[in-house]
């Protein structure tokens, strides 16, 4: 899910040249010899390359909904398990990172990412090989599944409920660019909207509270729409390049004007929801995210003026603070003031 020049974070990867390209990783070690500084530097460079492939700057897009789900569960059950929360984060972040890696691989193999125009330089600059990226993706999915097994053992939720949500999210992370490649047929935006909102929030809520509550989907949508704005801003910037590469996104279908309208809707609709709920339902703490409203107006102005180069990066920064204030608002609210939540 979150992607290369089409992923949910929208932040460009830094171009780094691996030492293997310079021939510095080929110095063999003699028996019983101490690794040379070149070899140690090479190992450090390889580790940095693997970390870069994960796109860790995008993890707030999955961490925030997990934290929101845990906060909602606490309001319902008055219980919070740190072990369940940490395990939930590990599984969600592992699947998110695996989806990023899958995105890197298939965008490169399909020719969407090239050396002329790509934010993700991992494969186009040969920092890692395609096989290494595949192995990294398999490792991340394995870590996620191992974490899920641990979560089942420590969560009060029924295994089938957790499995339904978890493997739904896992499948989404792969199908975004793998398999049928939903991103390439204008369904990637919908997938991101669902996965980085309802799926993550419900998964965390079920893991903590041990029950399914459809009302969590309502609470997930403001955060999901704000996260989708990151992806849409990125796609709007790359609209012409995507069209030439054969990737069909909503930005390609809508054009500049339609994309501007959709971006504004994704930005401002959550604030309208908070204003209504905060003033009419007594959940005044949910007005906290409105602190970020001036930034949202500035971002809309950037889009309107055609300044799209760094728009997704700026939207991602907004998403961090938006999510933080939203979660804090839920934590500080009186449970009875949160509409739809039934306190046990």
Protein backbone atom coordinates (compact mmCIF):
# COMPACT_ATOMS: atom_id res chain seq x y z
CA UNK A 1 0.00 0.00 0.00
CA UNK A 2 1.03 2.35 0.63
CA UNK A 3 4.38 2.58 -3.35
CA UNK A 4 7.19 3.85 -5.52
CA UNK A 5 6.17 7.03 -7.25
CA UNK A 6 2.62 5.84 -6.63
CA UNK A 7 2.66 4.75 -3.03
CA UNK A 8 0.72 6.06 -0.11
CA UNK A 9 3.57 7.99 1.49
CA UNK A 10 4.41 9.92 -1.64
CA UNK A 11 7.92 10.71 -0.41
CA UNK A 12 10.81 10.26 -2.83
CA UNK A 13 13.53 7.81 -1.98
CA UNK A 14 17.05 9.14 -1.73
CA UNK A 15 19.45 8.07 -4.45
CA UNK A 16 22.22 6.07 -2.91
CA UNK A 17 24.99 4.24 -4.72
CA UNK A 18 25.84 0.87 -3.24
CA UNK A 19 29.46 -0.04 -2.69
CA UNK A 20 28.90 -3.14 -4.80
CA UNK A 21 28.59 -0.89 -7.83
CA UNK A 22 32.05 0.47 -7.08
CA UNK A 23 33.53 -2.98 -6.62
CA UNK A 24 34.18 -2.44 -2.91
CA UNK A 25 32.08 -5.41 -1.79
CA UNK A 26 34.10 -7.98 -3.69
CA UNK A 27 37.16 -8.05 -1.43
CA UNK A 28 37.32 -11.61 -0.01
CA UNK A 29 38.24 -12.36 3.58
CA UNK A 30 41.11 -14.64 4.31
CA UNK A 31 40.66 -17.35 6.90
CA UNK A 32 40.80 -16.04 10.46
CA UNK A 33 41.23 -12.47 9.25
CA UNK A 34 39.51 -9.44 10.66
CA UNK A 35 36.92 -7.85 8.33
CA UNK A 36 38.37 -4.81 6.61
CA UNK A 37 36.79 -1.37 6.99
CA UNK A 38 35.62 -1.68 3.37
CA UNK A 39 33.71 -4.89 4.13
CA UNK A 40 32.16 -3.43 7.28
CA UNK A 41 31.12 -0.35 5.30
CA UNK A 42 29.69 -2.62 2.61
CA UNK A 43 27.59 -4.51 5.16
CA UNK A 44 26.32 -1.23 6.55
CA UNK A 45 25.48 -0.04 3.04
CA UNK A 46 23.54 -3.22 2.29
CA UNK A 47 21.55 -2.84 5.51
CA UNK A 48 20.77 0.76 4.60
CA UNK A 49 19.58 -0.37 1.18
CA UNK A 50 17.21 -2.93 2.70
CA UNK A 51 15.86 -0.35 5.14
CA UNK A 52 15.38 2.11 2.28
CA UNK A 53 13.39 -0.52 0.38
CA UNK A 54 10.90 -0.72 3.27
CA UNK A 55 10.07 3.02 2.95
CA UNK A 56 9.91 3.48 6.74
CA UNK A 57 8.81 7.12 6.35
CA UNK A 58 5.41 5.77 5.18
CA UNK A 59 4.73 3.70 8.32
CA UNK A 60 2.66 6.40 9.99
CA UNK A 61 -0.06 5.55 7.46
CA UNK A 62 -0.53 2.13 9.12
CA UNK A 63 0.56 2.97 12.67
CA UNK A 64 -2.02 5.75 13.11
CA UNK A 65 -5.08 3.57 12.33
CA UNK A 66 -3.73 0.80 14.58
CA UNK A 67 -3.36 3.32 17.43
CA UNK A 68 -6.85 4.68 16.70
CA UNK A 69 -8.36 1.19 16.87
CA UNK A 70 -6.66 0.55 20.20
CA UNK A 71 -7.92 3.89 21.57
CA UNK A 72 -11.50 3.08 20.53
CA UNK A 73 -11.22 -0.39 22.09
CA UNK A 74 -10.05 1.15 25.36
CA UNK A 75 -13.09 3.43 25.40
CA UNK A 76 -15.36 0.40 24.98
CA UNK A 77 -13.71 -2.14 27.29
CA UNK A 78 -11.62 0.05 29.64
CA UNK A 79 -8.79 -2.41 29.05
CA UNK A 80 -5.52 -2.04 27.17
CA UNK A 81 -2.90 -4.73 26.59
CA UNK A 82 0.56 -3.40 25.69
CA UNK A 83 1.54 -6.85 24.37
CA UNK A 84 -1.46 -7.00 22.06
CA UNK A 85 -0.79 -3.45 20.87
CA UNK A 86 2.88 -4.08 20.11
CA UNK A 87 2.08 -7.36 18.34
CA UNK A 88 -0.66 -5.68 16.33
CA UNK A 89 1.78 -2.96 15.29
CA UNK A 90 4.42 -5.51 14.27
CA UNK A 91 1.99 -7.46 12.10
CA UNK A 92 0.49 -4.36 10.50
CA UNK A 93 3.84 -2.70 9.82
CA UNK A 94 5.32 -5.94 8.44
CA UNK A 95 2.47 -6.30 5.96
CA UNK A 96 2.71 -2.60 5.07
CA UNK A 97 6.46 -2.89 4.45
CA UNK A 98 5.93 -6.07 2.42
CA UNK A 99 3.36 -4.24 0.30
CA UNK A 100 5.89 -1.47 -0.31
CA UNK A 101 8.46 -4.03 -1.44
CA UNK A 102 5.94 -5.77 -3.72
CA UNK A 103 5.08 -2.36 -5.17
CA UNK A 104 8.75 -1.68 -5.89
CA UNK A 105 9.16 -5.02 -7.66
CA UNK A 106 6.07 -4.93 -9.88
CA UNK A 107 6.38 -1.25 -10.80
CA UNK A 108 9.90 -2.01 -12.01
CA UNK A 109 8.96 -5.21 -13.83
CA UNK A 110 6.02 -3.52 -15.58
CA UNK A 111 8.10 -0.54 -16.66
CA UNK A 112 6.22 2.01 -14.56
CA UNK A 113 9.44 2.88 -12.72
CA UNK A 114 12.38 3.80 -14.91
CA UNK A 115 15.68 5.62 -14.56
CA UNK A 116 14.28 8.86 -15.99
CA UNK A 117 11.38 9.36 -13.60
CA UNK A 118 10.99 7.39 -10.40
CA UNK A 119 10.95 8.23 -6.73
CA UNK A 120 11.88 4.66 -5.84
CA UNK A 121 15.51 4.12 -6.90
CA UNK A 122 16.02 0.68 -5.32
CA UNK A 123 15.78 -1.35 -8.54
CA UNK A 124 16.19 1.24 -11.28
CA UNK A 125 19.61 2.20 -9.88
CA UNK A 126 20.46 -1.44 -9.08
CA UNK A 127 20.90 -0.75 -5.38
CA UNK A 128 19.27 -4.15 -4.85
CA UNK A 129 18.54 -6.91 -7.37
CA UNK A 130 14.98 -8.07 -8.16
CA UNK A 131 15.70 -11.39 -6.44
CA UNK A 132 16.82 -9.61 -3.27
CA UNK A 133 13.63 -7.56 -3.27
CA UNK A 134 11.53 -10.72 -3.67
CA UNK A 135 13.35 -12.41 -0.78
CA UNK A 136 12.84 -9.33 1.39
CA UNK A 137 9.11 -9.37 0.64
CA UNK A 138 8.84 -13.05 1.57
CA UNK A 139 10.72 -12.39 4.82
CA UNK A 140 8.39 -9.53 5.75
CA UNK A 141 5.25 -11.56 5.08
CA UNK A 142 6.75 -14.39 7.16
CA UNK A 143 7.43 -12.01 10.06
CA UNK A 144 3.87 -10.72 9.80
CA UNK A 145 2.39 -14.22 9.89
CA UNK A 146 4.59 -15.21 12.84
CA UNK A 147 3.41 -12.10 14.66
CA UNK A 148 -0.18 -13.00 13.84
CA UNK A 149 0.25 -16.41 15.47
CA UNK A 150 1.53 -14.69 18.62
CA UNK A 151 -1.37 -12.23 18.49
CA UNK A 152 -3.90 -15.05 18.36
CA UNK A 153 -2.41 -16.51 21.55
CA UNK A 154 -2.55 -13.26 23.55
CA UNK A 155 -5.66 -11.52 22.18
CA UNK A 156 -9.16 -12.06 23.60
CA UNK A 157 -10.56 -12.07 20.05
CA UNK A 158 -11.70 -15.19 18.23
CA UNK A 159 -9.09 -16.47 15.81
CA UNK A 160 -11.46 -16.48 12.83
CA UNK A 161 -12.30 -12.81 13.37
CA UNK A 162 -8.65 -11.81 13.53
CA UNK A 163 -7.77 -14.00 10.56
CA UNK A 164 -10.55 -12.54 8.42
CA UNK A 165 -9.30 -8.99 8.89
CA UNK A 166 -5.57 -9.75 8.91
CA UNK A 167 -5.46 -11.88 5.78
CA UNK A 168 -7.79 -9.45 4.06
CA UNK A 169 -5.22 -6.73 4.66
CA UNK A 170 -2.35 -9.02 3.68
CA UNK A 171 -4.05 -9.89 0.38
CA UNK A 172 -4.67 -6.21 -0.31
CA UNK A 173 -1.01 -5.35 0.21
CA UNK A 174 -0.05 -7.85 -2.49
CA UNK A 175 -2.87 -7.26 -4.96
CA UNK A 176 -2.22 -3.51 -5.08
CA UNK A 177 0.48 -4.11 -7.70
CA UNK A 178 0.89 -7.90 -7.65
CA UNK A 179 -1.46 -10.41 -9.25
CA UNK A 180 -4.18 -8.51 -11.10
CA UNK A 181 -2.55 -5.21 -10.09
CA UNK A 182 -5.48 -3.14 -8.84
CA UNK A 183 -3.36 0.00 -9.03
CA UNK A 184 -3.10 -0.29 -12.78
CA UNK A 185 -6.88 -0.47 -13.33
CA UNK A 186 -7.94 2.58 -11.28
CA UNK A 187 -8.79 0.56 -8.17
CA UNK A 188 -5.62 1.30 -6.21
CA UNK A 189 -7.10 4.42 -4.62
CA UNK A 190 -10.11 2.48 -3.37
CA UNK A 191 -7.87 -0.26 -1.99
CA UNK A 192 -5.72 2.25 -0.08
CA UNK A 193 -8.81 4.01 1.26
CA UNK A 194 -10.18 0.72 2.64
CA UNK A 195 -6.94 -0.80 3.89
CA UNK A 196 -5.39 2.21 5.64
CA UNK A 197 -8.69 2.99 7.30
CA UNK A 198 -11.41 0.44 8.09
CA UNK A 199 -9.21 -2.66 7.83
CA UNK A 200 -6.37 -1.42 10.08
CA UNK A 201 -8.69 0.21 12.62
CA UNK A 202 -11.00 -2.81 12.83
CA UNK A 203 -8.03 -5.19 13.11
CA UNK A 204 -6.59 -3.29 16.07
CA UNK A 205 -10.01 -2.84 17.70
CA UNK A 206 -10.86 -6.54 17.46
CA UNK A 207 -7.43 -7.55 18.79
CA UNK A 208 -7.83 -5.35 21.89
CA UNK A 209 -11.57 -5.56 22.63
CA UNK A 210 -12.22 -9.09 21.39
CA UNK A 211 -15.35 -8.16 19.44
CA UNK A 212 -16.40 -6.89 16.03
CA UNK A 213 -17.94 -3.40 16.00
CA UNK A 214 -19.05 -1.99 12.63
CA UNK A 215 -19.12 1.53 14.12
CA UNK A 216 -15.31 1.55 14.00
CA UNK A 217 -15.61 1.88 10.23
CA UNK A 218 -17.18 5.31 10.74
CA UNK A 219 -14.31 6.41 12.97
CA UNK A 220 -11.78 5.08 10.46
CA UNK A 221 -12.96 7.11 7.47
CA UNK A 222 -11.58 10.57 8.42
CA UNK A 223 -8.11 9.10 8.85
CA UNK A 224 -8.47 6.97 5.71
CA UNK A 225 -9.47 9.96 3.58
CA UNK A 226 -6.55 12.01 4.85
CA UNK A 227 -4.18 9.14 4.05
CA UNK A 228 -5.69 8.68 0.59
CA UNK A 229 -5.01 12.38 -0.07
CA UNK A 230 -1.29 11.55 0.09
CA UNK A 231 -1.61 8.92 -2.63
CA UNK A 232 -3.89 11.05 -4.78
CA UNK A 233 -1.53 14.03 -4.59
CA UNK A 234 1.29 11.74 -5.70
CA UNK A 235 -0.78 10.31 -8.55
CA UNK A 236 -1.83 13.79 -9.68
CA UNK A 237 1.81 14.79 -9.95
CA UNK A 238 2.65 11.67 -11.99
CA UNK A 239 -0.54 11.67 -14.08
CA UNK A 240 1.10 12.13 -17.48
CA UNK A 241 3.91 9.67 -16.77
CA UNK A 242 1.44 7.05 -15.54
CA UNK A 243 -0.69 7.45 -18.65
CA UNK A 244 2.32 6.86 -20.91
CA UNK A 245 3.30 3.79 -18.87
CA UNK A 246 -0.23 2.35 -19.12
CA UNK A 247 -1.06 2.70 -15.42
CA UNK A 248 -4.64 3.93 -14.95
CA UNK A 249 -5.23 5.89 -11.74
CA UNK A 250 -8.09 8.13 -10.69
CA UNK A 251 -5.86 11.10 -11.44
CA UNK A 252 -5.44 9.87 -15.02
CA UNK A 253 -9.20 9.40 -15.43
CA UNK A 254 -10.23 12.68 -13.81
CA UNK A 255 -7.65 15.03 -15.29
CA UNK A 256 -6.20 18.01 -13.44
CA UNK A 257 -9.50 19.75 -12.58
CA UNK A 258 -11.26 16.60 -11.42
CA UNK A 259 -8.21 15.55 -9.43
CA UNK A 260 -8.17 18.94 -7.72
CA UNK A 261 -11.82 18.54 -6.70
CA UNK A 262 -11.18 15.03 -5.35
CA UNK A 263 -8.08 16.15 -3.46
CA UNK A 264 -10.02 18.99 -1.82
CA UNK A 265 -12.80 16.56 -0.87
CA UNK A 266 -10.34 14.13 0.70
CA UNK A 267 -8.72 16.96 2.65
CA UNK A 268 -11.74 18.84 3.96
CA UNK A 269 -14.48 16.20 4.42
CA UNK A 270 -12.84 14.83 7.62
CA UNK A 271 -12.83 18.31 9.17
CA UNK A 272 -16.55 18.67 8.44
CA UNK A 273 -17.18 15.34 10.20
CA UNK A 274 -15.19 16.44 13.25
CA UNK A 275 -16.96 19.80 13.38
CA UNK A 276 -20.40 18.14 13.29
CA UNK A 277 -19.60 15.39 15.81
CA UNK A 278 -17.68 17.73 18.09
CA UNK A 279 -20.41 20.36 18.30
CA UNK A 280 -23.61 18.30 18.10
CA UNK A 281 -22.62 15.14 19.99
CA UNK A 282 -20.67 16.71 22.83
CA UNK A 283 -17.37 15.11 21.82
CA UNK A 284 -15.56 18.42 22.02
CA UNK A 285 -12.12 16.82 22.07
CA UNK A 286 -12.72 15.66 18.51
CA UNK A 287 -12.35 19.28 17.47
CA UNK A 288 -8.60 18.95 18.12
CA UNK A 289 -7.72 17.93 14.52
CA UNK A 290 -9.11 21.27 13.34
CA UNK A 291 -5.82 22.74 14.55
CA UNK A 292 -4.33 21.42 11.29
CA UNK A 293 -6.99 23.05 9.08
CA UNK A 294 -4.80 26.04 8.04
CA UNK A 295 -2.23 23.58 6.70
CA UNK A 296 -4.95 21.83 4.70
CA UNK A 297 -5.95 25.14 3.10
CA UNK A 298 -2.32 25.75 2.17
CA UNK A 299 -2.08 22.31 0.54
CA UNK A 300 -5.26 22.89 -1.47
CA UNK A 301 -3.77 26.17 -2.70
CA UNK A 302 -0.61 24.35 -3.78
CA UNK A 303 -2.68 21.92 -5.84
CA UNK A 304 -4.74 24.73 -7.36
CA UNK A 305 -1.58 26.58 -8.38
CA UNK A 306 -0.09 23.44 -9.96
CA UNK A 307 2.74 23.14 -7.43
CA UNK A 308 2.59 19.34 -7.24
CA UNK A 309 6.25 18.35 -6.97
CA UNK A 310 6.36 18.24 -3.16
CA UNK A 311 2.62 18.10 -2.53
CA UNK A 312 2.49 14.46 -1.42
CA UNK A 313 5.41 15.02 0.95
CA UNK A 314 3.64 17.98 2.56
CA UNK A 315 0.37 16.03 2.72
CA UNK A 316 2.18 13.19 4.50
CA UNK A 317 3.39 15.65 7.14
CA UNK A 318 -0.17 16.85 7.61
CA UNK A 319 -1.28 13.22 8.00
CA UNK A 320 1.08 12.68 10.94
CA UNK A 321 -0.27 15.63 12.94
CA UNK A 322 -3.86 15.01 11.83
CA UNK A 323 -3.67 11.43 13.10
CA UNK A 324 -1.95 12.45 16.32
CA UNK A 325 -4.61 15.02 17.22
CA UNK A 326 -7.41 12.64 16.21
CA UNK A 327 -6.13 9.83 18.43
CA UNK A 328 -5.53 12.25 21.29
CA UNK A 329 -9.09 13.56 20.88
CA UNK A 330 -10.51 10.04 21.15
CA UNK A 331 -8.41 9.25 24.23
CA UNK A 332 -9.47 12.46 25.99
CA UNK A 333 -13.18 12.15 25.14
CA UNK A 334 -15.79 10.83 27.57
CA UNK A 335 -16.90 7.43 26.19
CA UNK A 336 -20.59 8.35 26.23
CA UNK A 337 -19.89 11.36 24.02
CA UNK A 338 -18.49 9.21 21.21
CA UNK A 339 -21.46 8.33 18.97
CA UNK A 340 -22.13 4.66 18.31
CA UNK A 341 -19.71 3.22 20.86
CA UNK A 342 -21.36 0.90 23.37
CA UNK A 343 -19.39 0.87 26.61
CA UNK A 344 -19.21 -2.51 28.31
